[in-house]
Amino acid sequence: MAAEWRKSSYSESNGGDCVEVKRTPTAIPVRDSKDPEGPQLAFTPAAWTAFVTAVKVGELAA
């Protein structure tokens, strides 16, 4: 079964600024939901977990 794209829970419900992620065993691709055929970033699962953790604890706050 292929992994499905999942929209960020912080995305606006009206189709505003959105990112989507897809979890696979070897990579976490990230894309702009408004441009699904456009470029993607890919993170290792460990790098993605570190990024999400840093966001949650406020390490990357502006």
PDB file of N, CA and C in Angstrom:
ATOM      1  N   MET A   1       0.842  -1.174   0.000  1.00  0.00           N
ATOM      2  CA  MET A   1       0.000   0.000   0.000  1.00  0.00           C
ATOM      3  C   MET A   1       0.894   1.247   0.000  1.00  0.00           C
ATOM      4  N   ALA A   2       0.659   2.144  -0.923  1.00  0.00           N
ATOM      5  CA  ALA A   2       1.456   3.355  -1.037  1.00  0.00           C
ATOM      6  C   ALA A   2       1.088   4.343   0.066  1.00  0.00           C
ATOM      7  N   ALA A   3       2.096   5.066   0.547  1.00  0.00           N
ATOM      8  CA  ALA A   3       1.843   6.090   1.557  1.00  0.00           C
ATOM      9  C   ALA A   3       1.055   7.237   0.935  1.00  0.00           C
ATOM     10  N   GLU A   4       0.209   7.856   1.725  1.00  0.00           N
ATOM     11  CA  GLU A   4      -0.610   8.966   1.245  1.00  0.00           C
ATOM     12  C   GLU A   4      -0.087  10.281   1.807  1.00  0.00           C
ATOM     13  N   TRP A   5      -0.270  11.347   1.042  1.00  0.00           N
ATOM     14  CA  TRP A   5       0.087  12.679   1.506  1.00  0.00           C
ATOM     15  C   TRP A   5      -0.876  13.097   2.606  1.00  0.00           C
ATOM     16  N   ARG A   6      -0.356  13.790   3.613  1.00  0.00           N
ATOM     17  CA  ARG A   6      -1.169  14.258   4.735  1.00  0.00           C
ATOM     18  C   ARG A   6      -0.919  15.751   4.911  1.00  0.00           C
ATOM     19  N   LYS A   7      -1.991  16.530   4.966  1.00  0.00           N
ATOM     20  CA  LYS A   7      -1.876  17.982   5.117  1.00  0.00           C
ATOM     21  C   LYS A   7      -1.590  18.332   6.572  1.00  0.00           C
ATOM     22  N   SER A   8      -0.776  19.348   6.773  1.00  0.00           N
ATOM     23  CA  SER A   8      -0.451  19.821   8.109  1.00  0.00           C
ATOM     24  C   SER A   8      -1.708  20.185   8.879  1.00  0.00           C
ATOM     25  N   SER A   9      -1.736  19.872  10.156  1.00  0.00           N
ATOM     26  CA  SER A   9      -2.875  20.236  11.002  1.00  0.00           C
ATOM     27  C   SER A   9      -2.927  21.739  11.240  1.00  0.00           C
ATOM     28  N   TYR A  10      -1.860  22.456  10.918  1.00  0.00           N
ATOM     29  CA  TYR A  10      -1.826  23.916  11.066  1.00  0.00           C
ATOM     30  C   TYR A  10      -2.260  24.634   9.792  1.00  0.00           C
ATOM     31  N   SER A  11      -2.564  23.894   8.737  1.00  0.00           N
ATOM     32  CA  SER A  11      -2.973  24.504   7.481  1.00  0.00           C
ATOM     33  C   SER A  11      -4.367  25.091   7.615  1.00  0.00           C
ATOM     34  N   GLU A  12      -4.600  26.167   6.889  1.00  0.00           N
ATOM     35  CA  GLU A  12      -5.907  26.788   6.902  1.00  0.00           C
ATOM     36  C   GLU A  12      -6.912  25.900   6.181  1.00  0.00           C
ATOM     37  N   SER A  13      -8.143  25.901   6.642  1.00  0.00           N
ATOM     38  CA  SER A  13      -9.171  25.068   6.028  1.00  0.00           C
ATOM     39  C   SER A  13      -9.649  25.619   4.695  1.00  0.00           C
ATOM     40  N   ASN A  14      -9.338  26.886   4.388  1.00  0.00           N
ATOM     41  CA  ASN A  14      -9.786  27.490   3.133  1.00  0.00           C
ATOM     42  C   ASN A  14      -8.771  27.350   2.008  1.00  0.00           C
ATOM     43  N   GLY A  15      -7.794  26.478   2.164  1.00  0.00           N
ATOM     44  CA  GLY A  15      -6.808  26.254   1.115  1.00  0.00           C
ATOM     45  C   GLY A  15      -5.651  27.227   1.139  1.00  0.00           C
ATOM     46  N   GLY A  16      -5.415  27.862   2.262  1.00  0.00           N
ATOM     47  CA  GLY A  16      -4.319  28.816   2.384  1.00  0.00           C
ATOM     48  C   GLY A  16      -2.963  28.145   2.418  1.00  0.00           C
ATOM     49  N   ASP A  17      -2.041  28.739   3.138  1.00  0.00           N
ATOM     50  CA  ASP A  17      -0.675  28.224   3.200  1.00  0.00           C
ATOM     51  C   ASP A  17      -0.664  26.816   3.785  1.00  0.00           C
ATOM     52  N   CYS A  18      -0.266  25.851   2.973  1.00  0.00           N
ATOM     53  CA  CYS A  18      -0.330  24.457   3.403  1.00  0.00           C
ATOM     54  C   CYS A  18       0.935  23.707   3.010  1.00  0.00           C
ATOM     55  N   VAL A  19       1.311  22.798   3.868  1.00  0.00           N
ATOM     56  CA  VAL A  19       2.339  21.835   3.511  1.00  0.00           C
ATOM     57  C   VAL A  19       1.752  20.451   3.701  1.00  0.00           C
ATOM     58  N   GLU A  20       2.251  19.517   2.921  1.00  0.00           N
ATOM     59  CA  GLU A  20       1.843  18.126   3.050  1.00  0.00           C
ATOM     60  C   GLU A  20       3.088  17.279   3.238  1.00  0.00           C
ATOM     61  N   VAL A  21       2.945  16.224   4.004  1.00  0.00           N
ATOM     62  CA  VAL A  21       4.037  15.286   4.235  1.00  0.00           C
ATOM     63  C   VAL A  21       3.562  13.873   3.936  1.00  0.00           C
ATOM     64  N   LYS A  22       4.513  13.029   3.623  1.00  0.00           N
ATOM     65  CA  LYS A  22       4.202  11.622   3.377  1.00  0.00           C
ATOM     66  C   LYS A  22       5.301  10.809   4.048  1.00  0.00           C
ATOM     67  N   ARG A  23       4.935   9.916   4.908  1.00  0.00           N
ATOM     68  CA  ARG A  23       5.922   9.096   5.627  1.00  0.00           C
ATOM     69  C   ARG A  23       6.185   7.806   4.869  1.00  0.00           C
ATOM     70  N   THR A  24       7.453   7.561   4.589  1.00  0.00           N
ATOM     71  CA  THR A  24       7.876   6.301   3.996  1.00  0.00           C
ATOM     72  C   THR A  24       8.963   5.728   4.906  1.00  0.00           C
ATOM     73  N   PRO A  25       9.370   4.495   4.713  1.00  0.00           N
ATOM     74  CA  PRO A  25      10.397   3.924   5.586  1.00  0.00           C
ATOM     75  C   PRO A  25      11.749   4.633   5.504  1.00  0.00           C
ATOM     76  N   THR A  26      12.059   5.238   4.363  1.00  0.00           N
ATOM     77  CA  THR A  26      13.396   5.811   4.185  1.00  0.00           C
ATOM     78  C   THR A  26      13.433   7.328   4.071  1.00  0.00           C
ATOM     79  N   ALA A  27      12.298   7.984   3.874  1.00  0.00           N
ATOM     80  CA  ALA A  27      12.299   9.439   3.689  1.00  0.00           C
ATOM     81  C   ALA A  27      10.951  10.031   4.065  1.00  0.00           C
ATOM     82  N   ILE A  28      10.994  11.325   4.381  1.00  0.00           N
ATOM     83  CA  ILE A  28       9.777  12.085   4.641  1.00  0.00           C
ATOM     84  C   ILE A  28       9.745  13.212   3.601  1.00  0.00           C
ATOM     85  N   PRO A  29       9.038  13.006   2.488  1.00  0.00           N
ATOM     86  CA  PRO A  29       8.921  14.084   1.514  1.00  0.00           C
ATOM     87  C   PRO A  29       7.940  15.142   2.004  1.00  0.00           C
ATOM     88  N   VAL A  30       8.225  16.399   1.679  1.00  0.00           N
ATOM     89  CA  VAL A  30       7.390  17.537   2.060  1.00  0.00           C
ATOM     90  C   VAL A  30       7.141  18.355   0.796  1.00  0.00           C
ATOM     91  N   ARG A  31       5.895  18.798   0.602  1.00  0.00           N
ATOM     92  CA  ARG A  31       5.573  19.586  -0.590  1.00  0.00           C
ATOM     93  C   ARG A  31       4.550  20.663  -0.253  1.00  0.00           C
ATOM     94  N   ASP A  32       4.411  21.607  -1.159  1.00  0.00           N
ATOM     95  CA  ASP A  32       3.409  22.659  -1.064  1.00  0.00           C
ATOM     96  C   ASP A  32       2.111  22.084  -1.619  1.00  0.00           C
ATOM     97  N   SER A  33       1.055  22.073  -0.821  1.00  0.00           N
ATOM     98  CA  SER A  33      -0.190  21.456  -1.275  1.00  0.00           C
ATOM     99  C   SER A  33      -0.828  22.208  -2.435  1.00  0.00           C
ATOM    100  N   LYS A  34      -0.468  23.479  -2.606  1.00  0.00           N
ATOM    101  CA  LYS A  34      -1.014  24.251  -3.722  1.00  0.00           C
ATOM    102  C   LYS A  34      -0.309  23.924  -5.034  1.00  0.00           C
ATOM    103  N   ASP A  35       0.823  23.219  -4.964  1.00  0.00           N
ATOM    104  CA  ASP A  35       1.600  22.855  -6.148  1.00  0.00           C
ATOM    105  C   ASP A  35       2.061  21.403  -6.013  1.00  0.00           C
ATOM    106  N   PRO A  36       1.128  20.450  -6.038  1.00  0.00           N
ATOM    107  CA  PRO A  36       1.485  19.057  -5.775  1.00  0.00           C
ATOM    108  C   PRO A  36       2.453  18.447  -6.794  1.00  0.00           C
ATOM    109  N   GLU A  37       2.540  19.007  -7.975  1.00  0.00           N
ATOM    110  CA  GLU A  37       3.478  18.499  -8.979  1.00  0.00           C
ATOM    111  C   GLU A  37       4.811  19.242  -8.922  1.00  0.00           C
ATOM    112  N   GLY A  38       4.927  20.226  -8.036  1.00  0.00           N
ATOM    113  CA  GLY A  38       6.136  21.034  -7.920  1.00  0.00           C
ATOM    114  C   GLY A  38       7.220  20.326  -7.121  1.00  0.00           C
ATOM    115  N   PRO A  39       8.240  21.071  -6.742  1.00  0.00           N
ATOM    116  CA  PRO A  39       9.381  20.477  -6.032  1.00  0.00           C
ATOM    117  C   PRO A  39       9.002  19.962  -4.647  1.00  0.00           C
ATOM    118  N   GLN A  40       9.797  19.032  -4.184  1.00  0.00           N
ATOM    119  CA  GLN A  40       9.619  18.458  -2.853  1.00  0.00           C
ATOM    120  C   GLN A  40      10.953  18.496  -2.120  1.00  0.00           C
ATOM    121  N   LEU A  41      10.866  18.607  -0.818  1.00  0.00           N
ATOM    122  CA  LEU A  41      12.030  18.422   0.036  1.00  0.00           C
ATOM    123  C   LEU A  41      11.910  17.034   0.636  1.00  0.00           C
ATOM    124  N   ALA A  42      13.023  16.381   0.869  1.00  0.00           N
ATOM    125  CA  ALA A  42      12.990  15.051   1.482  1.00  0.00           C
ATOM    126  C   ALA A  42      13.933  15.029   2.674  1.00  0.00           C
ATOM    127  N   PHE A  43      13.433  14.540   3.790  1.00  0.00           N
ATOM    128  CA  PHE A  43      14.198  14.440   5.023  1.00  0.00           C
ATOM    129  C   PHE A  43      14.316  12.982   5.430  1.00  0.00           C
ATOM    130  N   THR A  44      15.395  12.645   6.110  1.00  0.00           N
ATOM    131  CA  THR A  44      15.458  11.317   6.716  1.00  0.00           C
ATOM    132  C   THR A  44      14.444  11.306   7.856  1.00  0.00           C
ATOM    133  N   PRO A  45      13.958  10.134   8.238  1.00  0.00           N
ATOM    134  CA  PRO A  45      13.028  10.097   9.375  1.00  0.00           C
ATOM    135  C   PRO A  45      13.623  10.737  10.636  1.00  0.00           C
ATOM    136  N   ALA A  46      14.913  10.533  10.897  1.00  0.00           N
ATOM    137  CA  ALA A  46      15.537  11.122  12.089  1.00  0.00           C
ATOM    138  C   ALA A  46      15.575  12.645  11.998  1.00  0.00           C
ATOM    139  N   ALA A  47      15.915  13.191  10.836  1.00  0.00           N
ATOM    140  CA  ALA A  47      15.961  14.644  10.668  1.00  0.00           C
ATOM    141  C   ALA A  47      14.564  15.245  10.807  1.00  0.00           C
ATOM    142  N   TRP A  48      13.555  14.578  10.256  1.00  0.00           N
ATOM    143  CA  TRP A  48      12.181  15.073  10.355  1.00  0.00           C
ATOM    144  C   TRP A  48      11.716  15.086  11.811  1.00  0.00           C
ATOM    145  N   THR A  49      12.012  14.029  12.548  1.00  0.00           N
ATOM    146  CA  THR A  49      11.632  13.956  13.960  1.00  0.00           C
ATOM    147  C   THR A  49      12.314  15.071  14.746  1.00  0.00           C
ATOM    148  N   ALA A  50      13.580  15.323  14.479  1.00  0.00           N
ATOM    149  CA  ALA A  50      14.302  16.399  15.164  1.00  0.00           C
ATOM    150  C   ALA A  50      13.691  17.762  14.837  1.00  0.00           C
ATOM    151  N   PHE A  51      13.327  17.984  13.583  1.00  0.00           N
ATOM    152  CA  PHE A  51      12.708  19.238  13.173  1.00  0.00           C
ATOM    153  C   PHE A  51      11.366  19.441  13.874  1.00  0.00           C
ATOM    154  N   VAL A  52      10.504  18.433  13.846  1.00  0.00           N
ATOM    155  CA  VAL A  52       9.178  18.551  14.463  1.00  0.00           C
ATOM    156  C   VAL A  52       9.328  18.784  15.982  1.00  0.00           C
ATOM    157  N   THR A  53      10.243  18.082  16.610  1.00  0.00           N
ATOM    158  CA  THR A  53      10.472  18.271  18.045  1.00  0.00           C
ATOM    159  C   THR A  53      10.929  19.684  18.338  1.00  0.00           C
ATOM    160  N   ALA A  54      11.848  20.216  17.539  1.00  0.00           N
ATOM    161  CA  ALA A  54      12.342  21.582  17.740  1.00  0.00           C
ATOM    162  C   ALA A  54      11.214  22.600  17.588  1.00  0.00           C
ATOM    163  N   VAL A  55      10.327  22.391  16.625  1.00  0.00           N
ATOM    164  CA  VAL A  55       9.190  23.293  16.450  1.00  0.00           C
ATOM    165  C   VAL A  55       8.271  23.224  17.675  1.00  0.00           C
ATOM    166  N   LYS A  56       7.980  22.016  18.138  1.00  0.00           N
ATOM    167  CA  LYS A  56       7.058  21.846  19.264  1.00  0.00           C
ATOM    168  C   LYS A  56       7.560  22.492  20.543  1.00  0.00           C
ATOM    169  N   VAL A  57       8.869  22.467  20.771  1.00  0.00           N
ATOM    170  CA  VAL A  57       9.414  23.033  22.014  1.00  0.00           C
ATOM    171  C   VAL A  57       9.804  24.509  21.859  1.00  0.00           C
ATOM    172  N   GLY A  58       9.582  25.068  20.679  1.00  0.00           N
ATOM    173  CA  GLY A  58       9.811  26.483  20.469  1.00  0.00           C
ATOM    174  C   GLY A  58      11.226  26.876  20.105  1.00  0.00           C
ATOM    175  N   GLU A  59      12.070  25.927  19.752  1.00  0.00           N
ATOM    176  CA  GLU A  59      13.450  26.244  19.384  1.00  0.00           C
ATOM    177  C   GLU A  59      13.552  27.026  18.084  1.00  0.00           C
ATOM    178  N   LEU A  60      12.544  26.945  17.227  1.00  0.00           N
ATOM    179  CA  LEU A  60      12.613  27.601  15.927  1.00  0.00           C
ATOM    180  C   LEU A  60      11.645  28.773  15.819  1.00  0.00           C
ATOM    181  N   ALA A  61      11.201  29.270  16.936  1.00  0.00           N
ATOM    182  CA  ALA A  61      10.263  30.398  16.932  1.00  0.00           C
ATOM    183  C   ALA A  61      10.944  31.645  16.387  1.00  0.00           C
ATOM    184  N   ALA A  62      10.175  32.430  15.663  1.00  0.00           N
ATOM    185  CA  ALA A  62      10.724  33.670  15.079  1.00  0.00           C
ATOM    186  C   ALA A  62      10.796  34.774  16.096  1.00  0.00           C
TER     187      ALA A  62
END
